[in-house]
Amino acid sequence: MEEYILIFRHEDGKKIASPEQMEIWMKQTMDWIGGIAAQNKFISGNGLYFDDAKVVGHNKVVTNGPFGEIKETIAGFIMVRAASADEAAEFAKGSPILQGAGNTIEVRKIAKNDGVH
């Protein structure tokens, strides 16, 4: 079993949902994660705030972030155990985040200290 990270990308992080809609999405998300956890394949995860963020460049210049020049923002992530990227992508397909037009989930295998990349 390998470990994968599912990175949640919102097409427009400036859109603000109502408190009622946020409550609905949070319940859907907790139910979705609960389904993965019931299979003993959930590792951990967290959401990310859009405010109070910085981007540090290669020359140590710090700017306000996240990535003001692009539309999409990273909203959070979960880590799962899966036999393959295909299985991890199947988990991703059930995420309520995909209800938002343009939202995506990036699935990446987590590199371990095994010398293989």
PDB file of N, CA and C in Angstrom:
ATOM      1  N   MET A   1       0.845  -1.179   0.000  1.00  0.00           N
ATOM      2  CA  MET A   1       0.000   0.000   0.000  1.00  0.00           C
ATOM      3  C   MET A   1       0.890   1.242   0.000  1.00  0.00           C
ATOM      4  N   GLU A   2       0.598   2.154  -0.892  1.00  0.00           N
ATOM      5  CA  GLU A   2       1.350   3.405  -1.007  1.00  0.00           C
ATOM      6  C   GLU A   2       0.558   4.537  -0.349  1.00  0.00           C
ATOM      7  N   GLU A   3       1.205   5.680  -0.170  1.00  0.00           N
ATOM      8  CA  GLU A   3       0.536   6.854   0.362  1.00  0.00           C
ATOM      9  C   GLU A   3       0.429   7.910  -0.735  1.00  0.00           C
ATOM     10  N   TYR A   4      -0.730   8.547  -0.802  1.00  0.00           N
ATOM     11  CA  TYR A   4      -1.000   9.576  -1.801  1.00  0.00           C
ATOM     12  C   TYR A   4      -1.569  10.804  -1.122  1.00  0.00           C
ATOM     13  N   ILE A   5      -1.287  11.961  -1.704  1.00  0.00           N
ATOM     14  CA  ILE A   5      -1.882  13.197  -1.242  1.00  0.00           C
ATOM     15  C   ILE A   5      -2.874  13.645  -2.304  1.00  0.00           C
ATOM     16  N   LEU A   6      -4.043  14.062  -1.859  1.00  0.00           N
ATOM     17  CA  LEU A   6      -5.079  14.607  -2.731  1.00  0.00           C
ATOM     18  C   LEU A   6      -5.132  16.097  -2.427  1.00  0.00           C
ATOM     19  N   ILE A   7      -4.708  16.915  -3.371  1.00  0.00           N
ATOM     20  CA  ILE A   7      -4.600  18.360  -3.185  1.00  0.00           C
ATOM     21  C   ILE A   7      -5.831  19.021  -3.804  1.00  0.00           C
ATOM     22  N   PHE A   8      -6.573  19.744  -2.976  1.00  0.00           N
ATOM     23  CA  PHE A   8      -7.818  20.373  -3.412  1.00  0.00           C
ATOM     24  C   PHE A   8      -7.526  21.756  -3.973  1.00  0.00           C
ATOM     25  N   ARG A   9      -7.887  21.954  -5.233  1.00  0.00           N
ATOM     26  CA  ARG A   9      -7.684  23.245  -5.882  1.00  0.00           C
ATOM     27  C   ARG A   9      -9.030  23.874  -6.214  1.00  0.00           C
ATOM     28  N   HIS A  10      -9.224  25.093  -5.732  1.00  0.00           N
ATOM     29  CA  HIS A  10     -10.424  25.854  -6.062  1.00  0.00           C
ATOM     30  C   HIS A  10     -10.087  26.788  -7.212  1.00  0.00           C
ATOM     31  N   GLU A  11     -10.961  26.812  -8.192  1.00  0.00           N
ATOM     32  CA  GLU A  11     -10.695  27.663  -9.350  1.00  0.00           C
ATOM     33  C   GLU A  11     -10.627  29.132  -8.950  1.00  0.00           C
ATOM     34  N   ASP A  12     -11.473  29.553  -8.011  1.00  0.00           N
ATOM     35  CA  ASP A  12     -11.485  30.952  -7.598  1.00  0.00           C
ATOM     36  C   ASP A  12     -11.620  31.013  -6.088  1.00  0.00           C
ATOM     37  N   GLY A  13     -10.515  31.168  -5.406  1.00  0.00           N
ATOM     38  CA  GLY A  13     -10.513  31.193  -3.950  1.00  0.00           C
ATOM     39  C   GLY A  13     -11.141  32.438  -3.360  1.00  0.00           C
ATOM     40  N   LYS A  14     -11.486  33.412  -4.189  1.00  0.00           N
ATOM     41  CA  LYS A  14     -12.101  34.634  -3.686  1.00  0.00           C
ATOM     42  C   LYS A  14     -13.621  34.511  -3.544  1.00  0.00           C
ATOM     43  N   LYS A  15     -14.210  33.476  -4.149  1.00  0.00           N
ATOM     44  CA  LYS A  15     -15.648  33.271  -3.998  1.00  0.00           C
ATOM     45  C   LYS A  15     -15.928  32.881  -2.557  1.00  0.00           C
ATOM     46  N   ILE A  16     -16.956  33.466  -1.977  1.00  0.00           N
ATOM     47  CA  ILE A  16     -17.291  33.182  -0.583  1.00  0.00           C
ATOM     48  C   ILE A  16     -18.677  32.571  -0.520  1.00  0.00           C
ATOM     49  N   ALA A  17     -18.746  31.382   0.082  1.00  0.00           N
ATOM     50  CA  ALA A  17     -20.025  30.694   0.229  1.00  0.00           C
ATOM     51  C   ALA A  17     -20.733  31.208   1.480  1.00  0.00           C
ATOM     52  N   SER A  18     -22.030  31.040   1.505  1.00  0.00           N
ATOM     53  CA  SER A  18     -22.810  31.416   2.686  1.00  0.00           C
ATOM     54  C   SER A  18     -22.488  30.451   3.820  1.00  0.00           C
ATOM     55  N   PRO A  19     -22.738  30.862   5.069  1.00  0.00           N
ATOM     56  CA  PRO A  19     -22.517  29.940   6.194  1.00  0.00           C
ATOM     57  C   PRO A  19     -23.329  28.649   6.048  1.00  0.00           C
ATOM     58  N   GLU A  20     -24.532  28.757   5.503  1.00  0.00           N
ATOM     59  CA  GLU A  20     -25.363  27.573   5.302  1.00  0.00           C
ATOM     60  C   GLU A  20     -24.738  26.619   4.285  1.00  0.00           C
ATOM     61  N   GLN A  21     -24.225  27.174   3.185  1.00  0.00           N
ATOM     62  CA  GLN A  21     -23.586  26.336   2.165  1.00  0.00           C
ATOM     63  C   GLN A  21     -22.315  25.713   2.712  1.00  0.00           C
ATOM     64  N   MET A  22     -21.553  26.479   3.493  1.00  0.00           N
ATOM     65  CA  MET A  22     -20.330  25.938   4.094  1.00  0.00           C
ATOM     66  C   MET A  22     -20.661  24.769   5.023  1.00  0.00           C
ATOM     67  N   GLU A  23     -21.738  24.892   5.786  1.00  0.00           N
ATOM     68  CA  GLU A  23     -22.145  23.816   6.686  1.00  0.00           C
ATOM     69  C   GLU A  23     -22.499  22.555   5.894  1.00  0.00           C
ATOM     70  N   ILE A  24     -23.209  22.708   4.797  1.00  0.00           N
ATOM     71  CA  ILE A  24     -23.575  21.574   3.941  1.00  0.00           C
ATOM     72  C   ILE A  24     -22.318  20.911   3.386  1.00  0.00           C
ATOM     73  N   TRP A  25     -21.395  21.723   2.842  1.00  0.00           N
ATOM     74  CA  TRP A  25     -20.163  21.176   2.262  1.00  0.00           C
ATOM     75  C   TRP A  25     -19.301  20.480   3.312  1.00  0.00           C
ATOM     76  N   MET A  26     -19.242  21.069   4.513  1.00  0.00           N
ATOM     77  CA  MET A  26     -18.437  20.444   5.566  1.00  0.00           C
ATOM     78  C   MET A  26     -18.999  19.081   5.955  1.00  0.00           C
ATOM     79  N   LYS A  27     -20.323  18.972   6.044  1.00  0.00           N
ATOM     80  CA  LYS A  27     -20.930  17.674   6.367  1.00  0.00           C
ATOM     81  C   LYS A  27     -20.643  16.678   5.251  1.00  0.00           C
ATOM     82  N   GLN A  28     -20.818  17.106   3.999  1.00  0.00           N
ATOM     83  CA  GLN A  28     -20.525  16.216   2.869  1.00  0.00           C
ATOM     84  C   GLN A  28     -19.063  15.774   2.896  1.00  0.00           C
ATOM     85  N   THR A  29     -18.167  16.705   3.200  1.00  0.00           N
ATOM     86  CA  THR A  29     -16.740  16.377   3.238  1.00  0.00           C
ATOM     87  C   THR A  29     -16.434  15.401   4.359  1.00  0.00           C
ATOM     88  N   MET A  30     -17.010  15.625   5.538  1.00  0.00           N
ATOM     89  CA  MET A  30     -16.777  14.715   6.665  1.00  0.00           C
ATOM     90  C   MET A  30     -17.336  13.320   6.352  1.00  0.00           C
ATOM     91  N   ASP A  31     -18.480  13.252   5.696  1.00  0.00           N
ATOM     92  CA  ASP A  31     -19.050  11.956   5.293  1.00  0.00           C
ATOM     93  C   ASP A  31     -18.136  11.260   4.281  1.00  0.00           C
ATOM     94  N   TRP A  32     -17.622  12.025   3.318  1.00  0.00           N
ATOM     95  CA  TRP A  32     -16.717  11.471   2.300  1.00  0.00           C
ATOM     96  C   TRP A  32     -15.451  10.930   2.953  1.00  0.00           C
ATOM     97  N   ILE A  33     -14.843  11.727   3.834  1.00  0.00           N
ATOM     98  CA  ILE A  33     -13.635  11.281   4.530  1.00  0.00           C
ATOM     99  C   ILE A  33     -13.952  10.077   5.416  1.00  0.00           C
ATOM    100  N   GLY A  34     -15.115  10.092   6.053  1.00  0.00           N
ATOM    101  CA  GLY A  34     -15.523   8.955   6.891  1.00  0.00           C
ATOM    102  C   GLY A  34     -15.587   7.661   6.105  1.00  0.00           C
ATOM    103  N   GLY A  35     -16.033   7.736   4.855  1.00  0.00           N
ATOM    104  CA  GLY A  35     -16.083   6.553   3.995  1.00  0.00           C
ATOM    105  C   GLY A  35     -14.706   6.002   3.692  1.00  0.00           C
ATOM    106  N   ILE A  36     -13.748   6.897   3.500  1.00  0.00           N
ATOM    107  CA  ILE A  36     -12.360   6.465   3.261  1.00  0.00           C
ATOM    108  C   ILE A  36     -11.787   5.883   4.550  1.00  0.00           C
ATOM    109  N   ALA A  37     -12.055   6.548   5.677  1.00  0.00           N
ATOM    110  CA  ALA A  37     -11.556   6.079   6.973  1.00  0.00           C
ATOM    111  C   ALA A  37     -12.131   4.710   7.323  1.00  0.00           C
ATOM    112  N   ALA A  38     -13.385   4.456   6.937  1.00  0.00           N
ATOM    113  CA  ALA A  38     -14.014   3.162   7.222  1.00  0.00           C
ATOM    114  C   ALA A  38     -13.278   2.019   6.525  1.00  0.00           C
ATOM    115  N   GLN A  39     -12.554   2.343   5.456  1.00  0.00           N
ATOM    116  CA  GLN A  39     -11.746   1.347   4.733  1.00  0.00           C
ATOM    117  C   GLN A  39     -10.321   1.297   5.279  1.00  0.00           C
ATOM    118  N   ASN A  40     -10.064   2.045   6.356  1.00  0.00           N
ATOM    119  CA  ASN A  40      -8.740   2.154   6.968  1.00  0.00           C
ATOM    120  C   ASN A  40      -7.702   2.687   5.971  1.00  0.00           C
ATOM    121  N   LYS A  41      -8.130   3.657   5.132  1.00  0.00           N
ATOM    122  CA  LYS A  41      -7.223   4.199   4.116  1.00  0.00           C
ATOM    123  C   LYS A  41      -7.005   5.705   4.260  1.00  0.00           C
ATOM    124  N   PHE A  42      -7.632   6.313   5.260  1.00  0.00           N
ATOM    125  CA  PHE A  42      -7.426   7.738   5.519  1.00  0.00           C
ATOM    126  C   PHE A  42      -6.232   7.900   6.445  1.00  0.00           C
ATOM    127  N   ILE A  43      -5.321   8.808   6.097  1.00  0.00           N
ATOM    128  CA  ILE A  43      -4.153   9.067   6.947  1.00  0.00           C
ATOM    129  C   ILE A  43      -4.349  10.363   7.733  1.00  0.00           C
ATOM    130  N   SER A  44      -4.532  11.474   7.023  1.00  0.00           N
ATOM    131  CA  SER A  44      -4.737  12.767   7.669  1.00  0.00           C
ATOM    132  C   SER A  44      -5.135  13.788   6.614  1.00  0.00           C
ATOM    133  N   GLY A  45      -5.391  14.993   7.052  1.00  0.00           N
ATOM    134  CA  GLY A  45      -5.720  16.056   6.113  1.00  0.00           C
ATOM    135  C   GLY A  45      -6.053  17.334   6.835  1.00  0.00           C
ATOM    136  N   ASN A  46      -6.153  18.403   6.060  1.00  0.00           N
ATOM    137  CA  ASN A  46      -6.484  19.700   6.610  1.00  0.00           C
ATOM    138  C   ASN A  46      -6.892  20.648   5.503  1.00  0.00           C
ATOM    139  N   GLY A  47      -7.680  21.645   5.881  1.00  0.00           N
ATOM    140  CA  GLY A  47      -7.991  22.745   4.985  1.00  0.00           C
ATOM    141  C   GLY A  47      -6.938  23.828   5.163  1.00  0.00           C
ATOM    142  N   LEU A  48      -6.901  24.757   4.233  1.00  0.00           N
ATOM    143  CA  LEU A  48      -5.954  25.862   4.302  1.00  0.00           C
ATOM    144  C   LEU A  48      -6.713  27.178   4.203  1.00  0.00           C
ATOM    145  N   TYR A  49      -6.306  28.159   5.001  1.00  0.00           N
ATOM    146  CA  TYR A  49      -6.902  29.488   4.922  1.00  0.00           C
ATOM    147  C   TYR A  49      -6.389  30.215   3.691  1.00  0.00           C
ATOM    148  N   PHE A  50      -7.220  31.100   3.157  1.00  0.00           N
ATOM    149  CA  PHE A  50      -6.819  31.892   1.996  1.00  0.00           C
ATOM    150  C   PHE A  50      -6.155  33.194   2.412  1.00  0.00           C
ATOM    151  N   ASP A  51      -6.418  33.624   3.641  1.00  0.00           N
ATOM    152  CA  ASP A  51      -5.819  34.874   4.091  1.00  0.00           C
ATOM    153  C   ASP A  51      -4.579  34.585   4.939  1.00  0.00           C
ATOM    154  N   ASP A  52      -3.844  35.616   5.279  1.00  0.00           N
ATOM    155  CA  ASP A  52      -2.643  35.511   6.103  1.00  0.00           C
ATOM    156  C   ASP A  52      -1.655  34.499   5.519  1.00  0.00           C
ATOM    157  N   ALA A  53      -1.403  34.618   4.226  1.00  0.00           N
ATOM    158  CA  ALA A  53      -0.491  33.706   3.534  1.00  0.00           C
ATOM    159  C   ALA A  53       0.609  34.510   2.858  1.00  0.00           C
ATOM    160  N   LYS A  54       1.739  33.890   2.665  1.00  0.00           N
ATOM    161  CA  LYS A  54       2.890  34.523   2.015  1.00  0.00           C
ATOM    162  C   LYS A  54       3.494  33.573   0.993  1.00  0.00           C
ATOM    163  N   VAL A  55       4.162  34.141   0.006  1.00  0.00           N
ATOM    164  CA  VAL A  55       4.929  33.370  -0.965  1.00  0.00           C
ATOM    165  C   VAL A  55       6.365  33.867  -0.876  1.00  0.00           C
ATOM    166  N   VAL A  56       7.298  32.945  -0.709  1.00  0.00           N
ATOM    167  CA  VAL A  56       8.717  33.295  -0.619  1.00  0.00           C
ATOM    168  C   VAL A  56       9.394  32.828  -1.898  1.00  0.00           C
ATOM    169  N   GLY A  57      10.024  33.755  -2.619  1.00  0.00           N
ATOM    170  CA  GLY A  57      10.685  33.450  -3.880  1.00  0.00           C
ATOM    171  C   GLY A  57      12.115  32.999  -3.685  1.00  0.00           C
ATOM    172  N   HIS A  58      12.715  32.536  -4.781  1.00  0.00           N
ATOM    173  CA  HIS A  58      14.076  31.997  -4.725  1.00  0.00           C
ATOM    174  C   HIS A  58      15.106  33.018  -4.246  1.00  0.00           C
ATOM    175  N   ASN A  59      14.838  34.291  -4.444  1.00  0.00           N
ATOM    176  CA  ASN A  59      15.771  35.323  -3.989  1.00  0.00           C
ATOM    177  C   ASN A  59      15.338  35.903  -2.636  1.00  0.00           C
ATOM    178  N   LYS A  60      14.524  35.135  -1.911  1.00  0.00           N
ATOM    179  CA  LYS A  60      14.063  35.451  -0.557  1.00  0.00           C
ATOM    180  C   LYS A  60      13.144  36.657  -0.492  1.00  0.00           C
ATOM    181  N   VAL A  61      12.538  37.041  -1.618  1.00  0.00           N
ATOM    182  CA  VAL A  61      11.548  38.108  -1.619  1.00  0.00           C
ATOM    183  C   VAL A  61      10.221  37.512  -1.167  1.00  0.00           C
ATOM    184  N   VAL A  62       9.609  38.160  -0.201  1.00  0.00           N
ATOM    185  CA  VAL A  62       8.343  37.689   0.349  1.00  0.00           C
ATOM    186  C   VAL A  62       7.218  38.566  -0.186  1.00  0.00           C
ATOM    187  N   THR A  63       6.198  37.911  -0.752  1.00  0.00           N
ATOM    188  CA  THR A  63       5.022  38.636  -1.229  1.00  0.00           C
ATOM    189  C   THR A  63       3.781  38.041  -0.585  1.00  0.00           C
ATOM    190  N   ASN A  64       2.707  38.805  -0.612  1.00  0.00           N
ATOM    191  CA  ASN A  64       1.445  38.278  -0.117  1.00  0.00           C
ATOM    192  C   ASN A  64       0.970  37.182  -1.042  1.00  0.00           C
ATOM    193  N   GLY A  65       0.440  36.119  -0.480  1.00  0.00           N
ATOM    194  CA  GLY A  65      -0.030  35.005  -1.278  1.00  0.00           C
ATOM    195  C   GLY A  65      -1.444  34.683  -0.901  1.00  0.00           C
ATOM    196  N   PRO A  66      -1.961  33.583  -1.388  1.00  0.00           N
ATOM    197  CA  PRO A  66      -1.259  32.629  -2.245  1.00  0.00           C
ATOM    198  C   PRO A  66      -1.390  32.974  -3.725  1.00  0.00           C
ATOM    199  N   PHE A  67      -0.297  33.067  -4.362  1.00  0.00           N
ATOM    200  CA  PHE A  67      -0.205  33.158  -5.817  1.00  0.00           C
ATOM    201  C   PHE A  67      -1.228  34.097  -6.430  1.00  0.00           C
ATOM    202  N   GLY A  68      -1.104  35.368  -6.117  1.00  0.00           N
ATOM    203  CA  GLY A  68      -2.057  36.356  -6.585  1.00  0.00           C
ATOM    204  C   GLY A  68      -2.177  36.454  -8.085  1.00  0.00           C
ATOM    205  N   GLU A  69      -1.177  35.988  -8.820  1.00  0.00           N
ATOM    206  CA  GLU A  69      -1.205  36.125 -10.277  1.00  0.00           C
ATOM    207  C   GLU A  69      -2.098  35.080 -10.948  1.00  0.00           C
ATOM    208  N   ILE A  70      -2.462  34.016 -10.239  1.00  0.00           N
ATOM    209  CA  ILE A  70      -3.245  32.966 -10.872  1.00  0.00           C
ATOM    210  C   ILE A  70      -4.615  32.872 -10.219  1.00  0.00           C
ATOM    211  N   LYS A  71      -5.556  32.290 -10.922  1.00  0.00           N
ATOM    212  CA  LYS A  71      -6.913  32.191 -10.424  1.00  0.00           C
ATOM    213  C   LYS A  71      -7.074  31.123  -9.365  1.00  0.00           C
ATOM    214  N   GLU A  72      -6.499  29.953  -9.572  1.00  0.00           N
ATOM    215  CA  GLU A  72      -6.789  28.847  -8.657  1.00  0.00           C
ATOM    216  C   GLU A  72      -5.970  28.943  -7.384  1.00  0.00           C
ATOM    217  N   THR A  73      -6.536  28.409  -6.305  1.00  0.00           N
ATOM    218  CA  THR A  73      -5.837  28.384  -5.030  1.00  0.00           C
ATOM    219  C   THR A  73      -5.939  26.983  -4.443  1.00  0.00           C
ATOM    220  N   ILE A  74      -4.971  26.648  -3.608  1.00  0.00           N
ATOM    221  CA  ILE A  74      -4.997  25.359  -2.924  1.00  0.00           C
ATOM    222  C   ILE A  74      -5.815  25.536  -1.657  1.00  0.00           C
ATOM    223  N   ALA A  75      -6.879  24.751  -1.528  1.00  0.00           N
ATOM    224  CA  ALA A  75      -7.814  24.895  -0.412  1.00  0.00           C
ATOM    225  C   ALA A  75      -7.529  23.926   0.722  1.00  0.00           C
ATOM    226  N   GLY A  76      -6.791  22.859   0.453  1.00  0.00           N
ATOM    227  CA  GLY A  76      -6.501  21.875   1.481  1.00  0.00           C
ATOM    228  C   GLY A  76      -6.042  20.577   0.862  1.00  0.00           C
ATOM    229  N   PHE A  77      -5.987  19.542   1.706  1.00  0.00           N
ATOM    230  CA  PHE A  77      -5.492  18.259   1.237  1.00  0.00           C
ATOM    231  C   PHE A  77      -5.923  17.164   2.196  1.00  0.00           C
ATOM    232  N   ILE A  78      -5.905  15.931   1.699  1.00  0.00           N
ATOM    233  CA  ILE A  78      -5.941  14.762   2.567  1.00  0.00           C
ATOM    234  C   ILE A  78      -4.882  13.793   2.065  1.00  0.00           C
ATOM    235  N   MET A  79      -4.462  12.925   2.956  1.00  0.00           N
ATOM    236  CA  MET A  79      -3.522  11.868   2.593  1.00  0.00           C
ATOM    237  C   MET A  79      -4.226  10.539   2.799  1.00  0.00           C
ATOM    238  N   VAL A  80      -4.048   9.635   1.832  1.00  0.00           N
ATOM    239  CA  VAL A  80      -4.718   8.338   1.868  1.00  0.00           C
ATOM    240  C   VAL A  80      -3.730   7.220   1.560  1.00  0.00           C
ATOM    241  N   ARG A  81      -4.109   6.022   1.964  1.00  0.00           N
ATOM    242  CA  ARG A  81      -3.388   4.813   1.556  1.00  0.00           C
ATOM    243  C   ARG A  81      -4.143   4.233   0.371  1.00  0.00           C
ATOM    244  N   ALA A  82      -3.417   3.851  -0.659  1.00  0.00           N
ATOM    245  CA  ALA A  82      -4.056   3.264  -1.839  1.00  0.00           C
ATOM    246  C   ALA A  82      -3.061   2.335  -2.528  1.00  0.00           C
ATOM    247  N   ALA A  83      -3.599   1.364  -3.261  1.00  0.00           N
ATOM    248  CA  ALA A  83      -2.759   0.421  -3.995  1.00  0.00           C
ATOM    249  C   ALA A  83      -2.126   1.074  -5.219  1.00  0.00           C
ATOM    250  N   SER A  84      -2.750   2.164  -5.713  1.00  0.00           N
ATOM    251  CA  SER A  84      -2.262   2.810  -6.935  1.00  0.00           C
ATOM    252  C   SER A  84      -2.823   4.226  -7.024  1.00  0.00           C
ATOM    253  N   ALA A  85      -2.274   5.003  -7.957  1.00  0.00           N
ATOM    254  CA  ALA A  85      -2.808   6.339  -8.217  1.00  0.00           C
ATOM    255  C   ALA A  85      -4.247   6.242  -8.713  1.00  0.00           C
ATOM    256  N   ASP A  86      -4.568   5.174  -9.427  1.00  0.00           N
ATOM    257  CA  ASP A  86      -5.946   4.991  -9.902  1.00  0.00           C
ATOM    258  C   ASP A  86      -6.912   4.839  -8.734  1.00  0.00           C
ATOM    259  N   GLU A  87      -6.530   4.056  -7.723  1.00  0.00           N
ATOM    260  CA  GLU A  87      -7.407   3.906  -6.559  1.00  0.00           C
ATOM    261  C   GLU A  87      -7.540   5.239  -5.822  1.00  0.00           C
ATOM    262  N   ALA A  88      -6.440   5.966  -5.665  1.00  0.00           N
ATOM    263  CA  ALA A  88      -6.491   7.275  -5.006  1.00  0.00           C
ATOM    264  C   ALA A  88      -7.384   8.237  -5.800  1.00  0.00           C
ATOM    265  N   ALA A  89      -7.326   8.174  -7.127  1.00  0.00           N
ATOM    266  CA  ALA A  89      -8.178   9.019  -7.962  1.00  0.00           C
ATOM    267  C   ALA A  89      -9.647   8.644  -7.797  1.00  0.00           C
ATOM    268  N   GLU A  90      -9.928   7.376  -7.570  1.00  0.00           N
ATOM    269  CA  GLU A  90     -11.311   6.954  -7.304  1.00  0.00           C
ATOM    270  C   GLU A  90     -11.820   7.589  -6.014  1.00  0.00           C
ATOM    271  N   PHE A  91     -10.957   7.649  -4.993  1.00  0.00           N
ATOM    272  CA  PHE A  91     -11.344   8.356  -3.763  1.00  0.00           C
ATOM    273  C   PHE A  91     -11.655   9.811  -4.090  1.00  0.00           C
ATOM    274  N   ALA A  92     -10.788  10.448  -4.882  1.00  0.00           N
ATOM    275  CA  ALA A  92     -10.952  11.859  -5.222  1.00  0.00           C
ATOM    276  C   ALA A  92     -12.275  12.128  -5.921  1.00  0.00           C
ATOM    277  N   LYS A  93     -12.717  11.208  -6.753  1.00  0.00           N
ATOM    278  CA  LYS A  93     -13.972  11.397  -7.499  1.00  0.00           C
ATOM    279  C   LYS A  93     -15.163  11.616  -6.588  1.00  0.00           C
ATOM    280  N   GLY A  94     -15.097  11.131  -5.341  1.00  0.00           N
ATOM    281  CA  GLY A  94     -16.215  11.279  -4.418  1.00  0.00           C
ATOM    282  C   GLY A  94     -16.203  12.570  -3.624  1.00  0.00           C
ATOM    283  N   SER A  95     -15.200  13.418  -3.828  1.00  0.00           N
ATOM    284  CA  SER A  95     -15.073  14.633  -3.027  1.00  0.00           C
ATOM    285  C   SER A  95     -16.110  15.689  -3.386  1.00  0.00           C
ATOM    286  N   PRO A  96     -16.742  16.292  -2.367  1.00  0.00           N
ATOM    287  CA  PRO A  96     -17.687  17.387  -2.610  1.00  0.00           C
ATOM    288  C   PRO A  96     -17.026  18.614  -3.239  1.00  0.00           C
ATOM    289  N   ILE A  97     -15.731  18.732  -3.155  1.00  0.00           N
ATOM    290  CA  ILE A  97     -15.038  19.878  -3.761  1.00  0.00           C
ATOM    291  C   ILE A  97     -15.307  19.937  -5.259  1.00  0.00           C
ATOM    292  N   LEU A  98     -15.508  18.783  -5.862  1.00  0.00           N
ATOM    293  CA  LEU A  98     -15.730  18.733  -7.306  1.00  0.00           C
ATOM    294  C   LEU A  98     -17.092  19.267  -7.721  1.00  0.00           C
ATOM    295  N   GLN A  99     -17.934  19.627  -6.749  1.00  0.00           N
ATOM    296  CA  GLN A  99     -19.219  20.253  -7.072  1.00  0.00           C
ATOM    297  C   GLN A  99     -19.012  21.661  -7.639  1.00  0.00           C
ATOM    298  N   GLY A 100     -17.874  22.280  -7.316  1.00  0.00           N
ATOM    299  CA  GLY A 100     -17.589  23.622  -7.814  1.00  0.00           C
ATOM    300  C   GLY A 100     -17.016  23.561  -9.219  1.00  0.00           C
ATOM    301  N   ALA A 101     -17.648  24.269 -10.133  1.00  0.00           N
ATOM    302  CA  ALA A 101     -17.174  24.284 -11.520  1.00  0.00           C
ATOM    303  C   ALA A 101     -15.730  24.772 -11.556  1.00  0.00           C
ATOM    304  N   GLY A 102     -14.864  24.015 -12.220  1.00  0.00           N
ATOM    305  CA  GLY A 102     -13.468  24.388 -12.347  1.00  0.00           C
ATOM    306  C   GLY A 102     -12.577  23.882 -11.220  1.00  0.00           C
ATOM    307  N   ASN A 103     -13.165  23.391 -10.135  1.00  0.00           N
ATOM    308  CA  ASN A 103     -12.350  22.854  -9.045  1.00  0.00           C
ATOM    309  C   ASN A 103     -11.748  21.522  -9.467  1.00  0.00           C
ATOM    310  N   THR A 104     -10.558  21.232  -8.951  1.00  0.00           N
ATOM    311  CA  THR A 104      -9.878  19.989  -9.293  1.00  0.00           C
ATOM    312  C   THR A 104      -9.214  19.401  -8.052  1.00  0.00           C
ATOM    313  N   ILE A 105      -8.851  18.145  -8.161  1.00  0.00           N
ATOM    314  CA  ILE A 105      -8.074  17.477  -7.123  1.00  0.00           C
ATOM    315  C   ILE A 105      -6.867  16.844  -7.803  1.00  0.00           C
ATOM    316  N   GLU A 106      -5.694  17.244  -7.350  1.00  0.00           N
ATOM    317  CA  GLU A 106      -4.450  16.673  -7.861  1.00  0.00           C
ATOM    318  C   GLU A 106      -4.074  15.487  -6.980  1.00  0.00           C
ATOM    319  N   VAL A 107      -3.781  14.347  -7.595  1.00  0.00           N
ATOM    320  CA  VAL A 107      -3.405  13.128  -6.872  1.00  0.00           C
ATOM    321  C   VAL A 107      -1.924  12.891  -7.105  1.00  0.00           C
ATOM    322  N   ARG A 108      -1.150  12.834  -6.006  1.00  0.00           N
ATOM    323  CA  ARG A 108       0.296  12.636  -6.122  1.00  0.00           C
ATOM    324  C   ARG A 108       0.754  11.600  -5.123  1.00  0.00           C
ATOM    325  N   LYS A 109       1.616  10.695  -5.569  1.00  0.00           N
ATOM    326  CA  LYS A 109       2.223   9.706  -4.688  1.00  0.00           C
ATOM    327  C   LYS A 109       3.221  10.433  -3.784  1.00  0.00           C
ATOM    328  N   ILE A 110       3.205  10.080  -2.513  1.00  0.00           N
ATOM    329  CA  ILE A 110       4.106  10.700  -1.548  1.00  0.00           C
ATOM    330  C   ILE A 110       5.452  10.001  -1.602  1.00  0.00           C
ATOM    331  N   ALA A 111       6.503  10.777  -1.790  1.00  0.00           N
ATOM    332  CA  ALA A 111       7.856  10.232  -1.854  1.00  0.00           C
ATOM    333  C   ALA A 111       8.296   9.839  -0.451  1.00  0.00           C
ATOM    334  N   LYS A 112       8.807   8.653  -0.358  1.00  0.00           N
ATOM    335  CA  LYS A 112       9.361   8.176   0.917  1.00  0.00           C
ATOM    336  C   LYS A 112      10.864   8.098   0.742  1.00  0.00           C
ATOM    337  N   ASN A 113      11.552   7.942   1.822  1.00  0.00           N
ATOM    338  CA  ASN A 113      13.003   7.884   1.781  1.00  0.00           C
ATOM    339  C   ASN A 113      13.461   6.492   1.328  1.00  0.00           C
ATOM    340  N   ASP A 114      13.032   6.122   0.109  1.00  0.00           N
ATOM    341  CA  ASP A 114      13.375   4.792  -0.419  1.00  0.00           C
ATOM    342  C   ASP A 114      14.264   4.871  -1.661  1.00  0.00           C
ATOM    343  N   GLY A 115      14.666   6.084  -2.038  1.00  0.00           N
ATOM    344  CA  GLY A 115      15.544   6.261  -3.184  1.00  0.00           C
ATOM    345  C   GLY A 115      14.835   6.211  -4.513  1.00  0.00           C
ATOM    346  N   VAL A 116      13.513   5.978  -4.534  1.00  0.00           N
ATOM    347  CA  VAL A 116      12.745   5.907  -5.771  1.00  0.00           C
ATOM    348  C   VAL A 116      11.892   7.157  -5.874  1.00  0.00           C
ATOM    349  N   HIS A 117      11.902   7.813  -7.058  1.00  0.00           N
ATOM    350  CA  HIS A 117      11.107   9.027  -7.239  1.00  0.00           C
ATOM    351  C   HIS A 117      10.149   8.862  -8.381  1.00  0.00           C
TER     352      HIS A 117
END
